Amino acid sequence: MKDKLIIAIDGPVGSGKSTVARRVAEMLGYTHLDSGAMYRAVGLKALREGVPLDSPERLSELASKAHIDLVLREGNLRVLLDGEDVTDAIRSPEVSHAASVVAVVPGVRHPMVAEQRRAGETGGVVMEAAISGRWYFLMLA
């Protein structure tokens, strides 16, 4: 395929976004990126550093300084936060709640969306929970 697409899959929690994104990426030979994991990583960092979830200014500062990498290791997507593999830690209920709070803060979204755009700029990417930019959406009910 000459022009590779940027595909984003969005939908409610538990709707199957991750499963669909992984399968679509595999079928097309694309990279799968869980952009929602980025917000979970910011939520985890806020909890660990005691940053109040009701402080948009502090959350924005935290997000702008966080170094989040989504890397593929042995066929599995791993989430690194400031060099630490937090893939399992970001799936706790507390982190899920924190992620839902931080994800709506514009100062958190801006650096995350910028990174998502950078990651997808060459195409050949299936992102889940990506909102913004020149995305092609498949909405799951």
Protein backbone atom coordinates (compact mmCIF):
# COMPACT_ATOMS: atom_id res chain seq x y z
CA MET A 1 0.00 0.00 0.00
CA LYS A 2 1.51 3.32 -1.09
CA ASP A 3 -0.20 5.61 1.42
CA LYS A 4 -0.58 4.05 4.82
CA LEU A 5 -3.53 5.17 6.91
CA ILE A 6 -3.73 6.46 10.42
CA ILE A 7 -6.63 4.61 12.00
CA ALA A 8 -8.05 5.58 15.38
CA ILE A 9 -10.57 3.51 17.29
CA ASP A 10 -12.56 5.15 20.05
CA GLY A 11 -15.36 3.93 22.25
CA PRO A 12 -16.50 3.37 25.83
CA VAL A 13 -14.61 1.32 28.38
CA GLY A 14 -15.02 -2.40 27.82
CA SER A 15 -16.29 -2.04 24.24
CA GLY A 16 -13.44 -4.05 22.71
CA LYS A 17 -11.27 -1.19 21.41
CA SER A 18 -8.01 -2.88 22.38
CA THR A 19 -8.94 -6.21 20.84
CA VAL A 20 -10.13 -4.61 17.59
CA ALA A 21 -7.11 -2.27 17.38
CA ARG A 22 -4.65 -5.12 17.87
CA ARG A 23 -6.38 -7.30 15.28
CA VAL A 24 -6.70 -4.53 12.70
CA ALA A 25 -3.02 -3.61 13.16
CA GLU A 26 -2.00 -7.23 12.81
CA MET A 27 -4.13 -7.77 9.69
CA LEU A 28 -2.74 -4.65 7.99
CA GLY A 29 0.83 -5.05 9.20
CA TYR A 30 0.49 -1.74 11.05
CA THR A 31 1.76 -0.63 14.45
CA HIS A 32 -0.74 -0.71 17.32
CA LEU A 33 -0.55 2.26 19.73
CA ASP A 34 -2.70 2.44 22.84
CA SER A 35 -2.87 6.21 23.26
CA GLY A 36 -5.19 5.74 26.24
CA ALA A 37 -2.22 4.17 28.02
CA MET A 38 -0.53 7.56 27.84
CA TYR A 39 -3.29 9.13 29.93
CA ARG A 40 -3.12 6.20 32.33
CA ALA A 41 0.62 6.82 32.71
CA VAL A 42 -0.01 10.48 33.53
CA GLY A 43 -2.69 9.40 36.02
CA LEU A 44 -0.24 6.98 37.64
CA LYS A 45 2.43 9.68 37.85
CA ALA A 46 -0.06 12.08 39.47
CA LEU A 47 -1.02 9.47 42.07
CA ARG A 48 2.59 8.58 42.80
CA GLU A 49 3.65 12.21 43.16
CA GLY A 50 0.61 13.26 45.17
CA VAL A 51 -0.57 15.75 42.55
CA PRO A 52 -4.22 16.59 43.26
CA LEU A 53 -6.52 15.42 40.48
CA ASP A 54 -8.52 18.65 40.88
CA SER A 55 -5.50 20.84 40.00
CA PRO A 56 -5.42 21.33 36.21
CA GLU A 57 -2.33 23.53 36.45
CA ARG A 58 -0.28 20.95 38.35
CA LEU A 59 -1.55 18.10 36.16
CA SER A 60 -0.59 20.07 33.04
CA GLU A 61 2.90 20.68 34.39
CA LEU A 62 3.22 17.01 35.34
CA ALA A 63 2.15 15.86 31.85
CA SER A 64 4.52 18.24 30.09
CA LYS A 65 7.47 16.82 32.05
CA ALA A 66 6.50 13.14 31.85
CA HIS A 67 8.45 10.98 29.45
CA ILE A 68 6.09 8.32 28.11
CA ASP A 69 7.11 5.72 25.55
CA LEU A 70 4.96 3.03 23.98
CA VAL A 71 7.28 0.28 22.82
CA LEU A 72 6.78 -3.11 21.24
CA ARG A 73 8.66 -5.90 23.03
CA GLU A 74 8.29 -9.48 21.94
CA GLY A 75 5.02 -8.65 20.21
CA ASN A 76 3.52 -6.89 23.25
CA LEU A 77 2.96 -3.18 23.70
CA ARG A 78 4.78 -1.94 26.81
CA VAL A 79 4.29 1.44 28.49
CA LEU A 80 7.36 3.16 29.87
CA LEU A 81 6.99 6.11 32.23
CA ASP A 82 10.22 7.97 32.81
CA GLY A 83 12.07 4.80 31.79
CA GLU A 84 10.10 2.45 34.07
CA ASP A 85 7.86 -0.25 32.61
CA VAL A 86 4.44 0.54 34.10
CA THR A 87 2.35 -1.60 31.74
CA ASP A 88 0.77 -3.58 34.57
CA ALA A 89 0.62 -0.73 37.10
CA ILE A 90 -1.54 1.45 34.83
CA ARG A 91 -4.38 -1.10 34.79
CA SER A 92 -5.48 -0.70 38.41
CA PRO A 93 -8.92 0.80 39.22
CA GLU A 94 -7.28 3.79 40.93
CA VAL A 95 -5.20 4.57 37.88
CA SER A 96 -8.20 4.08 35.60
CA HIS A 97 -10.08 6.69 37.60
CA ALA A 98 -7.12 9.08 37.59
CA ALA A 99 -6.73 8.63 33.83
CA SER A 100 -10.36 9.56 33.22
CA VAL A 101 -9.82 12.77 35.20
CA VAL A 102 -6.50 13.82 33.65
CA ALA A 103 -7.59 12.99 30.09
CA VAL A 104 -10.03 15.89 29.99
CA VAL A 105 -7.52 18.51 31.16
CA PRO A 106 -6.49 20.59 28.11
CA GLY A 107 -2.95 21.05 29.44
CA VAL A 108 -2.59 17.28 29.69
CA ARG A 109 -4.23 16.57 26.33
CA HIS A 110 -2.01 18.99 24.42
CA PRO A 111 1.34 17.19 24.98
CA MET A 112 -0.31 13.76 24.68
CA VAL A 113 -2.01 14.60 21.38
CA ALA A 114 1.23 16.13 20.06
CA GLU A 115 3.02 12.87 20.84
CA GLN A 116 0.21 10.82 19.26
CA ARG A 117 0.45 12.90 16.09
CA ARG A 118 4.22 12.48 16.02
CA ALA A 119 3.86 8.73 16.42
CA GLY A 120 1.34 8.53 13.60
CA GLU A 121 2.78 11.04 11.15
CA THR A 122 4.14 8.41 8.77
CA GLY A 123 0.93 6.37 8.79
CA GLY A 124 0.64 2.65 9.21
CA VAL A 125 -0.69 3.09 12.73
CA VAL A 126 -3.81 1.88 14.52
CA MET A 127 -4.42 3.98 17.62
CA GLU A 128 -7.06 3.40 20.21
CA ALA A 129 -8.64 6.24 22.14
CA ALA A 130 -6.96 8.88 19.94
CA ILE A 131 -9.05 12.00 19.63
CA SER A 132 -7.87 14.84 17.40
CA GLY A 133 -5.87 15.42 14.28
CA ARG A 134 -6.43 13.82 10.89
CA TRP A 135 -7.78 10.53 12.18
CA TYR A 136 -10.12 8.03 10.58
CA PHE A 137 -12.59 6.92 13.22
CA LEU A 138 -14.24 3.58 13.74
CA MET A 139 -16.71 4.05 16.58
CA LEU A 140 -17.53 1.01 18.66
CA ALA A 141 -20.89 0.96 20.44
